[in-house]
N, C-alpha and C. Protein backbone atom coordinates (compact mmCIF):
# COMPACT_ATOMS: atom_id res chain seq x y z
N MET A 1 132.10 84.69 222.70
CA MET A 1 133.34 85.48 222.14
C MET A 1 134.00 86.13 223.07
N PRO A 2 135.13 86.40 223.76
CA PRO A 2 135.73 87.16 224.47
C PRO A 2 135.84 88.78 224.05
N MET A 3 135.86 89.55 225.13
CA MET A 3 135.69 91.21 224.77
C MET A 3 137.19 91.60 224.51
N PRO A 4 137.33 92.48 223.62
CA PRO A 4 138.86 92.65 223.38
C PRO A 4 139.46 93.79 224.52
N PRO A 5 140.57 93.57 224.86
CA PRO A 5 141.15 94.36 226.26
C PRO A 5 140.97 95.54 225.73
N PRO A 6 140.64 96.08 226.99
CA PRO A 6 140.76 97.93 227.02
C PRO A 6 141.68 98.69 226.34
N LYS A 7 141.47 99.74 225.94
CA LYS A 7 142.62 100.69 225.33
C LYS A 7 143.74 100.91 226.54
N ALA A 8 145.07 101.08 226.27
CA ALA A 8 146.03 101.55 227.20
C ALA A 8 145.40 102.54 228.09
N THR A 9 144.52 103.04 227.92
CA THR A 9 144.18 104.70 228.53
C THR A 9 142.75 104.86 228.34
N THR A 10 141.84 105.14 229.22
CA THR A 10 140.81 105.34 229.17
C THR A 10 140.34 106.80 229.15
N GLU A 11 141.33 107.62 229.36
CA GLU A 11 141.26 109.04 229.23
C GLU A 11 141.58 109.57 227.58
N SER A 12 140.70 110.55 227.21
CA SER A 12 140.71 111.10 225.94
C SER A 12 141.76 111.91 226.15
N PRO A 13 141.95 112.84 225.07
CA PRO A 13 142.97 113.99 224.82
C PRO A 13 142.54 114.91 225.74
N ARG A 14 141.21 115.06 226.04
CA ARG A 14 140.62 115.75 226.72
C ARG A 14 139.77 115.31 227.90
N ASP A 15 140.67 114.77 228.90
CA ASP A 15 140.23 114.37 230.34
C ASP A 15 139.58 115.25 230.77
N ARG A 16 138.85 114.77 232.06
CA ARG A 16 137.94 115.38 232.84
C ARG A 16 138.65 116.87 233.67
N GLN A 17 139.86 116.41 233.90
CA GLN A 17 140.60 117.35 234.52
C GLN A 17 140.91 118.57 233.77
N VAL A 18 141.12 118.33 232.15
CA VAL A 18 141.34 119.58 231.44
C VAL A 18 139.98 120.62 231.11
N PHE A 19 138.84 119.80 231.32
CA PHE A 19 137.76 120.53 231.34
C PHE A 19 137.66 121.58 232.40
N HIS A 20 137.99 121.16 233.54
CA HIS A 20 137.78 121.49 234.90
C HIS A 20 138.58 122.73 234.76
N GLU A 21 140.20 122.31 234.35
CA GLU A 21 141.16 123.83 233.90
C GLU A 21 140.64 124.93 232.94
N MET A 22 140.15 124.32 231.87
CA MET A 22 139.37 125.04 231.04
C MET A 22 138.54 126.24 231.50
N GLY A 23 137.61 125.39 232.69
CA GLY A 23 136.59 126.51 233.08
C GLY A 23 137.37 127.24 234.29
N GLN A 24 138.17 126.95 234.67
CA GLN A 24 139.16 127.87 235.53
C GLN A 24 139.42 129.18 234.91
N ILE A 25 139.92 129.01 233.39
CA ILE A 25 140.52 130.02 232.79
C ILE A 25 139.38 131.01 232.41
N VAL A 26 138.57 129.90 231.78
CA VAL A 26 137.30 131.06 231.62
C VAL A 26 136.84 132.17 232.67
N ARG A 27 136.29 131.47 233.63
CA ARG A 27 135.78 131.87 234.72
C ARG A 27 136.69 133.07 235.05
N ALA A 28 137.93 132.84 235.25
CA ALA A 28 139.13 133.84 235.80
C ALA A 28 139.30 135.21 234.99
N LEU A 29 139.15 135.14 233.34
CA LEU A 29 138.92 135.81 232.53
C LEU A 29 137.43 136.56 232.51
N GLU A 30 136.50 135.96 233.01
CA GLU A 30 135.07 136.76 233.03
C GLU A 30 134.91 137.70 234.27
N ARG A 31 135.73 137.04 235.44
CA ARG A 31 135.66 138.11 236.41
C ARG A 31 136.85 138.93 236.45
N GLU A 32 138.15 139.00 235.85
CA GLU A 32 139.15 139.75 235.99
C GLU A 32 139.35 140.47 234.69
N GLY A 33 138.78 140.20 233.70
CA GLY A 33 139.00 140.91 232.44
C GLY A 33 140.37 140.47 232.07
N PRO A 34 140.46 140.99 230.59
CA PRO A 34 141.74 140.39 229.98
C PRO A 34 143.04 140.38 230.88
N GLN A 35 143.84 139.45 230.71
CA GLN A 35 145.10 139.30 231.13
C GLN A 35 145.93 138.97 230.02
N THR A 36 147.36 139.12 230.31
CA THR A 36 148.29 138.40 229.95
C THR A 36 148.39 137.05 229.98
N PRO A 37 149.05 136.28 229.15
CA PRO A 37 149.27 135.04 229.40
C PRO A 37 149.68 134.52 231.08
N GLU A 38 150.89 135.22 231.12
CA GLU A 38 151.70 135.19 232.53
C GLU A 38 150.74 135.44 233.47
N ASP A 39 150.12 136.65 233.83
CA ASP A 39 148.98 137.03 234.68
C ASP A 39 147.88 135.85 234.91
N LEU A 40 147.55 135.42 234.04
CA LEU A 40 146.37 134.45 233.89
C LEU A 40 147.20 133.11 234.22
N GLU A 41 148.30 132.72 234.16
CA GLU A 41 148.38 131.41 234.94
C GLU A 41 148.62 131.86 236.05
N ARG A 42 149.27 132.97 237.12
CA ARG A 42 149.22 133.11 237.86
C ARG A 42 147.81 133.37 238.89
N LEU A 43 146.86 134.05 238.06
CA LEU A 43 145.74 134.21 238.73
C LEU A 43 144.85 132.49 238.89
N VAL A 44 145.12 132.10 238.22
CA VAL A 44 144.23 130.74 238.20
C VAL A 44 145.09 129.59 239.31
N GLY A 45 146.62 130.01 239.46
CA GLY A 45 147.19 128.76 239.97
C GLY A 45 147.87 127.80 239.38
N ALA A 46 148.08 128.35 238.14
CA ALA A 46 148.61 127.06 237.29
C ALA A 46 150.06 126.68 237.59
N THR A 47 150.79 127.59 238.30
CA THR A 47 152.12 127.34 238.62
C THR A 47 152.34 126.03 239.71
N TYR A 48 150.94 125.69 239.80
CA TYR A 48 150.99 124.33 240.73
C TYR A 48 150.43 122.92 239.86
N TRP A 49 150.15 123.53 238.73
CA TRP A 49 149.65 122.34 238.01
C TRP A 49 150.86 121.78 237.40
N GLU A 50 150.41 120.34 237.19
CA GLU A 50 151.59 119.47 236.32
C GLU A 50 151.88 119.80 235.46
N GLY A 51 153.42 119.54 234.83
CA GLY A 51 153.82 120.36 233.56
C GLY A 51 152.99 120.54 232.21
N ARG A 52 153.25 121.75 231.93
CA ARG A 52 152.30 121.99 230.34
C ARG A 52 150.63 121.99 230.39
N ARG A 53 150.30 121.65 231.67
CA ARG A 53 148.84 121.77 231.55
C ARG A 53 148.04 122.82 231.46
N PHE A 54 148.57 123.84 231.94
CA PHE A 54 148.10 125.41 231.58
C PHE A 54 147.87 125.51 230.18
N GLU A 55 149.33 125.36 229.57
CA GLU A 55 149.60 125.60 227.90
C GLU A 55 148.29 124.76 227.33
N ARG A 56 148.45 123.15 227.58
CA ARG A 56 147.03 122.62 227.18
C ARG A 56 146.05 123.20 226.96
N ALA A 57 145.31 123.63 228.24
CA ALA A 57 144.00 124.14 228.81
C ALA A 57 143.87 125.27 228.04
N LEU A 58 145.02 126.11 228.10
CA LEU A 58 144.94 127.23 227.29
C LEU A 58 144.60 127.19 225.63
N ALA A 59 145.11 126.28 225.07
CA ALA A 59 145.19 125.94 223.68
C ALA A 59 143.80 125.58 223.48
N PHE A 60 143.19 124.51 224.20
CA PHE A 60 141.83 124.01 224.16
C PHE A 60 140.83 125.20 224.25
N THR A 61 140.80 126.48 225.15
CA THR A 61 139.91 127.37 225.27
C THR A 61 139.94 128.18 224.07
N VAL A 62 141.24 128.24 223.52
CA VAL A 62 141.18 129.12 222.38
C VAL A 62 140.87 128.33 221.13
N SER A 63 141.05 127.14 220.99
CA SER A 63 140.75 126.54 219.84
C SER A 63 139.18 126.43 219.85
N ASP A 64 138.51 126.27 221.25
CA ASP A 64 137.21 126.29 220.97
C ASP A 64 136.31 127.44 220.99
N GLY A 65 137.33 128.62 220.86
CA GLY A 65 136.49 129.81 220.61
C GLY A 65 135.82 130.51 222.13
N LEU A 66 136.27 130.09 223.04
CA LEU A 66 135.94 130.46 224.66
C LEU A 66 136.85 131.29 225.20
N VAL A 67 138.04 131.52 224.41
CA VAL A 67 138.99 132.53 224.71
C VAL A 67 139.81 133.27 223.65
N THR A 68 139.70 134.38 223.34
CA THR A 68 140.44 134.91 222.00
C THR A 68 141.54 135.88 222.89
N ARG A 69 142.54 136.25 221.93
CA ARG A 69 143.52 137.14 222.05
C ARG A 69 143.24 138.39 221.32
N THR A 70 143.34 139.62 222.21
CA THR A 70 143.55 140.53 221.95
C THR A 70 144.68 141.41 221.00
N ALA A 71 144.71 142.26 220.31
CA ALA A 71 145.63 143.00 219.42
C ALA A 71 146.81 143.06 220.36
N GLU A 72 146.54 143.36 221.58
CA GLU A 72 147.78 143.25 222.46
C GLU A 72 148.41 142.28 222.89
N GLY A 73 148.07 141.38 222.67
CA GLY A 73 148.38 139.77 223.19
C GLY A 73 147.53 139.43 224.37
N ARG A 74 146.51 139.93 225.06
CA ARG A 74 145.75 139.89 226.25
C ARG A 74 144.96 138.69 225.84
N LEU A 75 144.52 137.75 226.80
CA LEU A 75 143.47 136.87 226.43
C LEU A 75 142.43 137.43 227.16
N GLN A 76 141.20 137.05 226.44
CA GLN A 76 139.95 137.70 226.88
C GLN A 76 138.74 136.56 226.91
N ALA A 77 137.91 136.24 227.77
CA ALA A 77 136.76 135.39 227.57
C ALA A 77 135.85 135.99 226.39
N THR A 78 135.16 134.95 225.49
CA THR A 78 134.23 135.56 224.40
C THR A 78 132.65 135.73 224.78
């Protein structure tokens, strides 16, 4: 019996690149302390990332509990 064709994409919603980007975000916050989202974006060089990858990686780090928002709206590593 033949195998079914592969899925249209082999990458999951969390591809390897987003894990790398998440790591960059967490390491930058651990090293530099709490940052505004705009400062963090500049700090990790996300202005050179493909469209909306920073927002996606940041959303994953927050949803996974790796990063939290302070009362002032800054981001910090947990």
